[in-house]
Amino acid sequence: MRNKFLKANINLRDFKNYVVSIITGAIVGVVCIFFRIMILKIEHLRTGFLINSWSPYLKFPLFIIVIYILMMGVYYLILKDPLIAGNGAEQARGMLNGHIQYKGIFRHLINKLAGSTASLGMGIGLGREGPSIQFGSYIGILLSKFFRITPGRIEYIISAGSSAGVAASLDAPLAGPVYIIESLQKFNNYRIAICSLLAGMVAGIMAKTWLTYDPYAPIIVKHPDISAYETILILVIMGVVMAVAGLLFTECVKWWRMRIDLRLKDVRLRLLIMAVGMGLIAVKLPGLLGSGQTFMINEAVSGNNEFHRSVILFVITFLFVAYSQAISFPGGAFFPLLTLGGMFGKFFAIVLIELGYVGHESVSFFMIAGMNAAIVIIMRTPLTGLLLVAEMCNQFSMLLPALVVSYTGYFLISIVKTESLPANFYNMLLKRIHAGEEKQLHIYTEVMPNSYFEGKTNKNINLPSGCVLDTVLRDNKEISFSGDETLRAGDQLKCLVDSGETEIIYQSLLSLSSEAE
């Protein structure tokens, strides 16, 4: 009687997915916390080396040599395992859309962990959220196999793992899941949303509990002492200027990335240029290396508001972050973009101070607004950017000002016919994978109750153009989908699609297999 009651009132497959998502969040949280601790230890070693009393004529040449050796090590690791290169979010999206089929998950996980730790530890302008997304997707695949998740629902656990990676790396239990839902999954399935939220909540709470240090605590935000209308007008102008700067940054990264192909011979020279540039930055601005968050926070509270200095710092940050993103080393973009947005916010605030509109006490206000806007405008993730800085900095009073700046810039850049930075990274990944050859891929989806597919036969089913129903699995057995055989809720559909149409067909299949509202 108990089993009949459970089957009648509880969707056991959903329950299993949610439990596995929680387990995934916990395991990904542990891995990401370990990753963050390793990065911090290496950063402390780097900082200690740069501030010691050695002669600069010995210290900085030695620093450049060590950095270049580490870069070459990561470079050869990427040649050995190309899928660890770049952000990590594009690889997770490639897995969800069927472009990437991993073999030897542990090997990929170790390689990504080693490459990311070296890249971030040596001080390249990269963030930790990208690798954490890839860690989460790997762990999601492993746990899907271990718990025997049905093929059409493996994407739920991959999304949950990716969400947990963002949440644990950024201390953002809400913004992490929203990023995965908004960017990778496009709000197409409430079950995926629940799995992502559960895993992100667990991993984010673990990170906040175990890593209690809050680097943003020294920042005290004071709103400008002007009227609300003047504030909104200034924020709109800031959004317009940031849209132009964001577009310039995106195009700069694309241009450099096309010329810094890790498969070409001249990449060694490009990496040497990067190492020398980092050595020059280390001479005067050692805190700017890596994600630059410590440097940006110090700028928010330092009170040093010289105009010429702010211009120079913004330009250096812009070029360093853009070049770092272009070399395709393992690492994310969020933290460097937060630094870039914060430095732009300070530059913009100092311009207003020079013009007599605001006082020096409002610099941090515009820096926080700039941090939000940089994520929204460059990553094209309006909800994530708005939530992320509020969660990380505990500055929920900045939601309205950040919304004005971010959405003004987002509106302007969205009408320009250009790829976003994540879209460009993803499309370049697909070009490397398929090398211009048309391939056919398999995509799984599950027939949900009351969906379009439920009750359909081979005679009356309509599939998206370019999609062929290859196999129907029912209770782990292949059935013959012919004659009067009808599809049932719970059936796993294995569809064959052209690689070039995968993104469009994937979204269509999810809609057709989901419950009708």
Protein backbone atom coordinates (compact mmCIF):
# COMPACT_ATOMS: atom_id res chain seq x y z
CA MET A 1 0.00 0.00 0.00
CA ARG A 2 2.86 2.39 0.88
CA ASN A 3 4.54 1.87 -2.51
CA LYS A 4 1.25 2.46 -4.33
CA PHE A 5 0.69 5.66 -2.36
CA LEU A 6 4.18 6.94 -3.17
CA LYS A 7 3.83 6.16 -6.86
CA ALA A 8 0.44 7.83 -6.98
CA ASN A 9 1.41 11.03 -5.15
CA ILE A 10 5.18 11.54 -5.56
CA ASN A 11 7.24 11.71 -8.72
CA LEU A 12 10.06 9.43 -7.62
CA ARG A 13 12.28 10.40 -10.57
CA ASP A 14 12.03 14.06 -9.64
CA PHE A 15 12.71 13.21 -5.99
CA LYS A 16 15.81 11.25 -6.99
CA ASN A 17 17.06 14.11 -9.19
CA TYR A 18 16.66 16.61 -6.37
CA VAL A 19 18.46 14.40 -3.85
CA VAL A 20 21.32 13.77 -6.28
CA SER A 21 21.49 17.52 -6.96
CA ILE A 22 21.96 18.19 -3.24
CA ILE A 23 24.70 15.55 -3.07
CA THR A 24 26.29 17.06 -6.17
CA GLY A 25 26.23 20.51 -4.58
CA ALA A 26 27.97 19.21 -1.46
CA ILE A 27 30.75 17.41 -3.38
CA VAL A 28 31.29 20.31 -5.79
CA GLY A 29 31.39 22.65 -2.79
CA VAL A 30 34.23 20.64 -1.24
CA VAL A 31 36.21 20.59 -4.51
CA CYS A 32 35.75 24.33 -5.11
CA ILE A 33 36.69 25.24 -1.54
CA PHE A 34 39.86 23.16 -1.94
CA PHE A 35 40.51 24.96 -5.24
CA ARG A 36 40.10 28.37 -3.61
CA ILE A 37 42.42 27.48 -0.73
CA MET A 38 45.14 26.35 -3.15
CA ILE A 39 44.85 29.58 -5.14
CA LEU A 40 45.07 31.66 -1.95
CA LYS A 41 48.21 29.84 -0.79
CA ILE A 42 49.94 30.34 -4.13
CA GLU A 43 48.88 34.00 -4.21
CA HIS A 44 50.40 34.47 -0.74
CA LEU A 45 53.66 32.96 -1.98
CA ARG A 46 53.62 35.30 -5.00
CA THR A 47 52.85 38.34 -2.88
CA GLY A 48 55.53 37.44 -0.35
CA PHE A 49 58.10 37.11 -3.11
CA LEU A 50 57.19 40.49 -4.63
CA ILE A 51 57.38 42.42 -1.34
CA ASN A 52 60.62 40.89 -0.06
CA SER A 53 63.79 42.97 0.24
CA TRP A 54 65.70 41.45 -2.67
CA SER A 55 67.24 43.73 -5.21
CA PRO A 56 64.65 44.56 -7.95
CA TYR A 57 67.31 43.85 -10.58
CA LEU A 58 67.27 40.23 -9.40
CA LYS A 59 63.69 39.87 -8.18
CA PHE A 60 61.72 40.95 -11.23
CA PRO A 61 63.78 39.15 -13.92
CA LEU A 62 63.46 36.01 -11.77
CA PHE A 63 59.71 36.62 -11.44
CA ILE A 64 59.35 36.86 -15.25
CA ILE A 65 61.37 33.67 -15.77
CA VAL A 66 59.29 31.69 -13.25
CA ILE A 67 56.03 33.02 -14.69
CA TYR A 68 57.09 32.12 -18.23
CA ILE A 69 58.09 28.59 -17.18
CA LEU A 70 54.70 28.11 -15.54
CA MET A 71 52.96 29.49 -18.64
CA MET A 72 54.79 27.01 -20.85
CA GLY A 73 53.79 24.21 -18.48
CA VAL A 74 50.12 25.17 -18.74
CA TYR A 75 50.51 25.61 -22.51
CA TYR A 76 51.76 22.03 -22.95
CA LEU A 77 49.03 20.76 -20.63
CA ILE A 78 46.46 22.42 -22.90
CA LEU A 79 48.06 20.86 -25.99
CA LYS A 80 47.68 17.48 -24.28
CA ASP A 81 44.09 18.12 -23.16
CA PRO A 82 42.59 20.95 -25.29
CA LEU A 83 39.18 20.88 -23.60
CA ILE A 84 40.60 22.32 -20.37
CA ALA A 85 41.45 25.59 -22.14
CA GLY A 86 39.37 28.69 -21.71
CA ASN A 87 36.61 29.59 -19.32
CA GLY A 88 34.86 26.31 -18.55
CA ALA A 89 31.31 27.57 -19.01
CA GLU A 90 31.49 26.98 -22.76
CA GLN A 91 32.61 23.37 -22.19
CA ALA A 92 29.67 22.79 -19.83
CA ARG A 93 27.31 24.21 -22.44
CA GLY A 94 28.92 21.99 -25.08
CA MET A 95 28.24 18.95 -22.90
CA LEU A 96 24.60 19.94 -22.42
CA ASN A 97 24.12 20.37 -26.17
CA GLY A 98 25.77 17.08 -27.06
CA HIS A 99 28.92 18.48 -28.69
CA ILE A 100 31.32 17.10 -26.08
CA GLN A 101 31.46 13.51 -24.87
CA TYR A 102 34.11 13.08 -22.19
CA LYS A 103 36.12 9.92 -21.64
CA GLY A 104 38.29 9.69 -18.56
CA ILE A 105 36.50 12.30 -16.44
CA PHE A 106 39.02 12.10 -13.58
CA ARG A 107 41.91 12.84 -15.94
CA HIS A 108 40.13 15.91 -17.31
CA LEU A 109 39.23 17.04 -13.78
CA ILE A 110 42.84 16.78 -12.56
CA ASN A 111 44.18 18.54 -15.65
CA LYS A 112 41.67 21.38 -15.33
CA LEU A 113 42.42 21.71 -11.62
CA ALA A 114 46.18 21.82 -12.22
CA GLY A 115 45.96 24.21 -15.16
CA SER A 116 43.52 26.57 -13.44
CA THR A 117 45.46 26.63 -10.18
CA ALA A 118 48.68 27.47 -12.04
CA SER A 119 47.02 30.11 -14.24
CA LEU A 120 45.30 31.93 -11.38
CA GLY A 121 48.17 31.41 -8.95
CA MET A 122 50.80 32.93 -11.23
CA GLY A 123 48.69 36.08 -11.57
CA ILE A 124 47.05 35.99 -15.00
CA GLY A 125 43.89 38.13 -15.08
CA LEU A 126 41.43 35.27 -14.77
CA GLY A 127 38.65 34.30 -12.36
CA ARG A 128 37.85 31.11 -10.48
CA GLU A 129 34.17 30.69 -11.48
CA GLY A 130 34.88 29.30 -14.98
CA PRO A 131 36.99 26.33 -13.84
CA SER A 132 34.52 25.73 -11.00
CA ILE A 133 31.69 25.42 -13.54
CA GLN A 134 33.70 22.78 -15.39
CA PHE A 135 34.55 20.96 -12.14
CA GLY A 136 30.84 20.88 -11.38
CA SER A 137 29.92 19.53 -14.81
CA TYR A 138 32.51 16.75 -14.48
CA ILE A 139 31.22 15.77 -11.04
CA GLY A 140 27.66 15.93 -12.35
CA ILE A 141 28.50 13.39 -15.06
CA LEU A 142 30.21 11.07 -12.57
CA LEU A 143 27.30 11.16 -10.12
CA SER A 144 24.77 10.71 -12.93
CA LYS A 145 26.48 7.46 -13.82
CA PHE A 146 26.84 6.38 -10.20
CA PHE A 147 23.16 6.99 -9.37
CA ARG A 148 21.98 5.72 -12.78
CA ILE A 149 20.20 8.89 -13.80
CA THR A 150 18.14 8.34 -16.96
CA PRO A 151 19.74 9.77 -20.14
CA GLY A 152 17.12 12.48 -20.60
CA ARG A 153 17.81 13.86 -17.11
CA ILE A 154 21.60 13.82 -17.00
CA GLU A 155 21.52 17.47 -18.06
CA TYR A 156 19.73 18.25 -14.77
CA ILE A 157 22.70 17.01 -12.75
CA ILE A 158 25.26 18.65 -15.04
CA SER A 159 23.41 21.94 -14.59
CA ALA A 160 23.25 21.36 -10.84
CA GLY A 161 27.00 20.74 -10.68
CA SER A 162 27.75 23.80 -12.78
CA SER A 163 25.48 25.91 -10.58
CA ALA A 164 27.22 24.65 -7.45
CA GLY A 165 30.59 25.56 -8.99
CA VAL A 166 29.58 29.18 -9.54
CA ALA A 167 27.92 29.48 -6.13
CA ALA A 168 30.91 28.04 -4.24
CA SER A 169 33.51 30.02 -6.18
CA LEU A 170 31.75 33.37 -5.75
CA ASP A 171 30.01 32.92 -2.36
CA ALA A 172 26.76 33.46 -4.24
CA PRO A 173 24.07 30.83 -3.42
CA LEU A 174 21.48 32.73 -5.48
CA ALA A 175 23.45 34.38 -8.29
CA GLY A 176 25.26 31.10 -9.10
CA PRO A 177 22.13 29.12 -9.98
CA VAL A 178 20.62 32.13 -11.74
CA TYR A 179 23.70 32.36 -13.97
CA ILE A 180 23.36 28.72 -15.07
CA ILE A 181 19.61 29.05 -15.61
CA GLU A 182 19.99 32.38 -17.43
CA SER A 183 23.09 31.69 -19.51
CA LEU A 184 23.34 27.94 -20.12
CA GLN A 185 19.74 26.76 -19.88
CA LYS A 186 17.78 29.87 -20.96
CA PHE A 187 14.95 29.29 -18.41
CA ASN A 188 13.62 26.31 -20.37
CA ASN A 189 12.77 23.75 -17.66
CA TYR A 190 11.59 24.22 -14.09
CA ARG A 191 13.15 20.91 -12.99
CA ILE A 192 16.55 22.11 -14.16
CA ALA A 193 15.95 25.33 -12.25
CA ILE A 194 15.13 23.44 -9.03
CA CYS A 195 18.17 21.16 -9.37
CA SER A 196 20.41 24.18 -10.00
CA LEU A 197 18.98 26.11 -7.06
CA LEU A 198 19.32 23.17 -4.66
CA ALA A 199 22.94 22.44 -5.62
CA GLY A 200 23.86 26.12 -5.66
CA MET A 201 22.31 26.69 -2.25
CA VAL A 202 24.26 23.81 -0.69
CA ALA A 203 27.61 24.71 -2.27
CA GLY A 204 27.19 28.45 -1.64
CA ILE A 205 26.31 27.98 2.03
CA MET A 206 29.30 25.65 2.45
CA ALA A 207 31.64 28.24 0.95
CA LYS A 208 30.23 31.05 3.10
CA THR A 209 30.48 28.87 6.21
CA TRP A 210 33.98 27.50 5.69
CA LEU A 211 35.59 30.55 4.09
CA THR A 212 34.30 33.27 6.38
CA TYR A 213 36.66 36.08 5.36
CA ASP A 214 34.77 38.90 3.64
CA PRO A 215 37.21 40.99 1.54
CA TYR A 216 34.48 43.54 0.71
CA ALA A 217 33.73 44.42 4.34
CA PRO A 218 35.98 47.55 4.31
CA ILE A 219 33.92 49.12 1.50
CA ILE A 220 31.43 51.63 2.91
CA VAL A 221 28.96 52.88 0.31
CA LYS A 222 27.60 56.39 0.60
CA HIS A 223 25.07 57.58 -1.96
CA PRO A 224 25.76 60.93 -3.65
CA ASP A 225 24.36 63.95 -1.85
CA ILE A 226 22.27 65.07 -4.83
CA SER A 227 18.62 64.70 -5.82
CA ALA A 228 17.18 61.40 -7.01
CA TYR A 229 16.60 62.79 -10.50
CA GLU A 230 20.20 63.96 -10.80
CA THR A 231 21.43 60.61 -9.56
CA ILE A 232 19.36 58.70 -12.13
CA LEU A 233 20.53 60.99 -14.95
CA ILE A 234 24.18 60.49 -13.98
CA LEU A 235 23.70 56.71 -13.74
CA VAL A 236 22.09 56.63 -17.19
CA ILE A 237 25.07 58.53 -18.62
CA MET A 238 27.38 56.09 -16.86
CA GLY A 239 25.49 53.18 -18.43
CA VAL A 240 25.87 54.69 -21.91
CA VAL A 241 29.62 55.18 -21.48
CA MET A 242 30.02 51.69 -20.02
CA ALA A 243 28.18 50.18 -22.98
CA VAL A 244 30.77 51.74 -25.30
CA ALA A 245 33.63 50.58 -23.07
CA GLY A 246 32.11 47.08 -22.82
CA LEU A 247 31.76 46.80 -26.59
CA LEU A 248 35.34 47.96 -27.05
CA PHE A 249 36.54 45.42 -24.47
CA THR A 250 34.64 42.56 -26.11
CA GLU A 251 35.95 43.37 -29.58
CA CYS A 252 39.47 43.76 -28.20
CA VAL A 253 39.37 40.29 -26.63
CA LYS A 254 37.99 38.77 -29.85
CA TRP A 255 40.67 40.45 -31.96
CA TRP A 256 43.47 39.30 -29.69
CA ARG A 257 42.06 35.78 -29.32
CA MET A 258 42.03 35.30 -33.10
CA ARG A 259 45.74 36.10 -33.12
CA ILE A 260 46.77 34.10 -30.05
CA ASP A 261 45.93 30.58 -31.15
CA LEU A 262 47.53 28.07 -28.77
CA ARG A 263 48.12 25.73 -31.71
CA LEU A 264 50.41 28.17 -33.53
CA LYS A 265 54.18 28.34 -33.13
CA ASP A 266 54.33 32.05 -32.30
CA VAL A 267 52.28 31.49 -29.15
CA ARG A 268 55.54 31.14 -27.19
CA LEU A 269 56.41 34.72 -28.09
CA ARG A 270 52.91 35.87 -27.15
CA LEU A 271 53.22 34.20 -23.76
CA LEU A 272 56.64 35.78 -23.24
CA ILE A 273 55.08 39.18 -23.93
CA MET A 274 52.43 38.36 -21.34
CA ALA A 275 55.06 37.32 -18.77
CA VAL A 276 57.07 40.53 -19.32
CA GLY A 277 53.90 42.60 -19.03
CA MET A 278 53.02 40.90 -15.76
CA GLY A 279 56.56 41.59 -14.52
CA LEU A 280 56.13 45.29 -15.30
CA ILE A 281 52.78 45.35 -13.50
CA ALA A 282 54.35 43.59 -10.51
CA VAL A 283 56.89 46.40 -10.16
CA LYS A 284 54.31 49.05 -9.21
CA LEU A 285 50.89 47.34 -9.02
CA PRO A 286 51.41 43.80 -7.65
CA GLY A 287 47.85 43.69 -6.29
CA LEU A 288 46.44 43.99 -9.81
CA LEU A 289 47.80 40.56 -10.75
CA GLY A 290 45.32 37.70 -10.72
CA SER A 291 41.70 38.68 -10.34
CA GLY A 292 42.72 42.12 -9.04
CA GLN A 293 40.01 42.12 -6.39
CA THR A 294 42.33 43.09 -3.52
CA PHE A 295 43.72 45.95 -5.58
CA MET A 296 40.25 47.18 -6.53
CA ILE A 297 39.01 47.02 -2.92
CA ASN A 298 42.06 48.98 -1.76
CA GLU A 299 41.28 51.60 -4.41
CA ALA A 300 37.73 51.87 -3.10
CA VAL A 301 38.89 52.72 0.43
CA SER A 302 42.26 54.42 -0.19
CA GLY A 303 41.00 57.95 -0.77
CA ASN A 304 43.59 58.46 -3.53
CA ASN A 305 41.41 60.12 -6.16
CA GLU A 306 43.86 61.75 -8.55
CA PHE A 307 42.40 62.06 -12.05
CA HIS A 308 45.47 61.13 -14.10
CA ARG A 309 46.20 58.16 -11.86
CA SER A 310 42.64 56.82 -12.26
CA VAL A 311 42.89 57.06 -16.06
CA ILE A 312 46.21 55.18 -16.13
CA LEU A 313 44.94 52.47 -13.76
CA PHE A 314 41.79 51.93 -15.82
CA VAL A 315 43.75 51.63 -19.08
CA ILE A 316 46.25 49.19 -17.55
CA THR A 317 43.43 47.11 -16.07
CA PHE A 318 41.56 47.13 -19.39
CA LEU A 319 44.56 45.90 -21.41
CA PHE A 320 45.71 43.36 -18.82
CA VAL A 321 42.29 41.75 -18.39
CA ALA A 322 41.58 41.73 -22.15
CA TYR A 323 44.91 40.08 -22.99
CA SER A 324 44.49 37.57 -20.14
CA GLN A 325 41.05 36.56 -21.45
CA ALA A 326 42.41 36.27 -25.00
CA ILE A 327 45.16 33.73 -24.33
CA SER A 328 42.63 30.94 -23.56
CA PHE A 329 44.31 29.71 -20.40
CA PRO A 330 42.07 27.90 -17.88
CA GLY A 331 40.19 30.53 -15.92
CA GLY A 332 36.99 32.51 -15.76
CA ALA A 333 36.02 36.11 -16.40
CA PHE A 334 33.79 37.27 -13.54
CA PHE A 335 36.37 38.52 -11.02
CA PRO A 336 38.57 40.33 -13.58
CA LEU A 337 35.44 41.96 -15.03
CA LEU A 338 34.38 43.04 -11.54
CA THR A 339 37.81 44.63 -11.15
CA LEU A 340 37.53 46.30 -14.55
CA GLY A 341 34.04 47.60 -13.77
CA GLY A 342 35.15 48.86 -10.37
CA MET A 343 38.12 50.73 -11.85
CA PHE A 344 35.86 52.28 -14.49
CA GLY A 345 33.45 53.30 -11.75
CA LYS A 346 36.26 55.05 -9.90
CA PHE A 347 37.39 56.84 -13.06
CA PHE A 348 33.81 57.96 -13.74
CA ALA A 349 33.37 59.14 -10.14
CA ILE A 350 36.57 61.19 -10.26
CA VAL A 351 35.36 62.89 -13.45
CA LEU A 352 32.18 63.85 -11.57
CA ILE A 353 34.25 65.06 -8.62
CA GLU A 354 36.38 67.23 -10.93
CA LEU A 355 33.18 68.70 -12.38
CA GLY A 356 31.82 69.38 -8.89
CA TYR A 357 28.75 67.11 -9.04
CA VAL A 358 29.62 64.67 -6.22
CA GLY A 359 32.03 64.43 -3.31
CA HIS A 360 34.96 62.08 -2.72
CA GLU A 361 32.88 59.99 -0.31
CA SER A 362 30.74 58.68 -3.21
CA VAL A 363 33.58 56.96 -5.11
CA SER A 364 32.69 53.50 -3.77
CA PHE A 365 29.04 54.03 -4.83
CA PHE A 366 30.07 54.32 -8.48
CA MET A 367 32.62 51.51 -8.17
CA ILE A 368 29.93 49.08 -6.98
CA ALA A 369 27.60 50.22 -9.78
CA GLY A 370 30.42 49.71 -12.29
CA MET A 371 31.08 46.19 -11.02
CA ASN A 372 27.46 45.23 -11.63
CA ALA A 373 27.38 46.85 -15.05
CA ALA A 374 30.57 45.16 -16.26
CA ILE A 375 29.07 41.69 -15.71
CA VAL A 376 25.70 42.61 -17.23
CA ILE A 377 27.09 44.38 -20.29
CA ILE A 378 30.02 42.13 -21.20
CA MET A 379 28.58 38.75 -20.16
CA ARG A 380 25.00 39.68 -21.26
CA THR A 381 23.53 38.24 -18.06
CA PRO A 382 21.20 40.95 -16.68
CA LEU A 383 19.84 39.01 -13.70
CA THR A 384 23.14 37.43 -12.65
CA GLY A 385 25.04 40.69 -12.72
CA LEU A 386 22.42 42.45 -10.65
CA LEU A 387 22.37 39.77 -7.96
CA LEU A 388 26.04 38.86 -7.92
CA VAL A 389 27.58 42.02 -6.52
CA ALA A 390 24.72 42.52 -4.07
CA GLU A 391 25.40 39.02 -2.66
CA MET A 392 29.18 39.20 -2.74
CA CYS A 393 29.49 42.71 -1.32
CA ASN A 394 26.37 42.56 0.88
CA GLN A 395 25.28 45.84 -0.71
CA PHE A 396 21.59 45.27 -1.40
CA SER A 397 20.97 49.02 -1.19
CA MET A 398 22.86 49.23 -4.50
CA LEU A 399 20.29 47.16 -6.40
CA LEU A 400 18.36 50.13 -7.79
CA PRO A 401 21.40 52.24 -8.83
CA ALA A 402 23.05 49.15 -10.32
CA LEU A 403 19.86 48.35 -12.22
CA VAL A 404 19.82 51.81 -13.85
CA VAL A 405 23.47 51.63 -14.97
CA SER A 406 23.44 47.97 -15.96
CA TYR A 407 20.19 47.92 -17.88
CA THR A 408 20.95 51.15 -19.71
CA GLY A 409 24.20 49.64 -20.92
CA TYR A 410 22.59 46.25 -21.58
CA PHE A 411 19.88 47.81 -23.73
CA LEU A 412 22.40 49.71 -25.83
CA ILE A 413 24.84 46.84 -26.35
CA SER A 414 22.03 44.38 -27.12
CA ILE A 415 20.97 46.36 -30.20
CA VAL A 416 24.49 46.21 -31.64
CA LYS A 417 24.97 43.29 -34.03
CA THR A 418 27.91 41.67 -32.30
CA GLU A 419 28.48 38.45 -30.37
CA SER A 420 28.72 38.58 -26.62
CA LEU A 421 31.98 37.42 -25.09
CA PRO A 422 30.55 34.05 -23.86
CA ALA A 423 28.95 33.41 -27.26
CA ASN A 424 32.25 34.09 -29.00
CA PHE A 425 34.11 31.72 -26.68
CA TYR A 426 31.49 29.03 -27.25
CA ASN A 427 31.48 29.35 -31.03
CA MET A 428 35.28 29.20 -31.14
CA LEU A 429 35.15 26.03 -29.03
CA LEU A 430 32.72 24.43 -31.48
CA LYS A 431 34.97 25.35 -34.41
CA ARG A 432 37.92 23.65 -32.71
CA ILE A 433 35.85 20.55 -31.93
CA HIS A 434 34.27 20.06 -35.32
CA ALA A 435 37.01 21.67 -37.45
CA GLY A 436 34.47 22.75 -40.07
CA GLU A 437 33.12 19.24 -40.68
CA GLU A 438 29.40 18.56 -40.39
CA LYS A 439 28.77 15.90 -37.77
CA GLN A 440 25.67 14.29 -36.39
CA LEU A 441 25.17 14.26 -32.64
CA HIS A 442 22.85 12.49 -30.23
CA ILE A 443 20.62 14.44 -27.85
CA TYR A 444 18.51 12.82 -25.14
CA THR A 445 15.24 14.13 -23.77
CA GLU A 446 12.58 12.62 -21.53
CA VAL A 447 8.86 12.63 -22.29
CA MET A 448 7.10 14.40 -19.41
CA PRO A 449 3.44 13.96 -18.41
CA ASN A 450 1.03 16.11 -20.44
CA SER A 451 3.77 17.09 -22.89
CA TYR A 452 3.40 17.28 -26.66
CA PHE A 453 5.26 13.99 -27.11
CA GLU A 454 3.07 11.97 -24.72
CA GLY A 455 0.63 9.81 -26.67
CA LYS A 456 2.22 10.51 -30.04
CA THR A 457 2.76 7.68 -32.54
CA ASN A 458 5.23 7.30 -35.36
CA LYS A 459 2.49 8.50 -37.74
CA ASN A 460 1.50 11.77 -36.09
CA ILE A 461 4.68 12.97 -34.33
CA ASN A 462 6.28 16.17 -35.63
CA LEU A 463 9.95 16.73 -34.82
CA PRO A 464 12.01 19.90 -35.38
CA SER A 465 13.57 20.17 -38.83
CA GLY A 466 16.95 18.44 -38.91
CA CYS A 467 16.03 16.08 -36.05
CA VAL A 468 15.48 12.31 -36.39
CA LEU A 469 14.14 10.10 -33.59
CA ASP A 470 16.80 7.42 -33.43
CA THR A 471 15.85 5.30 -30.40
CA VAL A 472 13.14 5.14 -27.74
CA LEU A 473 14.16 3.73 -24.36
CA ARG A 474 11.49 2.55 -21.93
CA ASP A 475 12.54 1.11 -18.57
CA ASN A 476 16.12 0.86 -19.89
CA LYS A 477 14.97 -1.23 -22.84
CA GLU A 478 14.83 -0.22 -26.47
CA ILE A 479 11.33 -0.42 -27.93
CA SER A 480 10.13 -0.43 -31.50
CA PHE A 481 8.51 2.92 -32.21
CA SER A 482 6.41 1.87 -35.16
CA GLY A 483 2.84 1.00 -35.97
CA ASP A 484 0.43 1.98 -33.20
CA GLU A 485 3.05 2.18 -30.44
CA THR A 486 2.61 5.44 -28.50
CA LEU A 487 5.07 7.44 -26.46
CA ARG A 488 4.54 7.44 -22.70
CA ALA A 489 5.64 9.73 -19.91
CA GLY A 490 9.11 8.64 -18.80
CA ASP A 491 10.25 7.43 -22.23
CA GLN A 492 13.80 8.47 -23.15
CA LEU A 493 14.11 9.81 -26.69
CA LYS A 494 17.49 9.55 -28.36
CA CYS A 495 17.49 12.00 -31.27
CA LEU A 496 20.02 12.39 -34.07
CA VAL A 497 20.71 16.00 -35.10
CA ASP A 498 23.19 17.92 -37.24
CA SER A 499 25.89 19.59 -35.15
CA GLY A 500 25.25 22.97 -36.74
CA GLU A 501 21.59 22.93 -35.65
CA THR A 502 22.07 21.48 -32.19
CA GLU A 503 21.50 24.68 -30.18
CA ILE A 504 18.16 25.43 -31.85
CA ILE A 505 16.91 21.82 -31.86
CA TYR A 506 17.95 21.27 -28.23
CA GLN A 507 15.74 24.13 -27.05
CA SER A 508 12.85 22.93 -29.24
CA LEU A 509 13.05 19.35 -27.94
CA LEU A 510 13.01 20.55 -24.34
CA SER A 511 9.88 22.57 -25.03
CA LEU A 512 8.12 19.69 -26.79
CA SER A 513 8.98 17.19 -24.06
CA SER A 514 8.03 19.46 -21.13
CA GLU A 515 4.60 19.67 -19.55
CA ALA A 516 2.06 21.88 -21.25
CA GLU A 517 0.98 24.75 -19.02
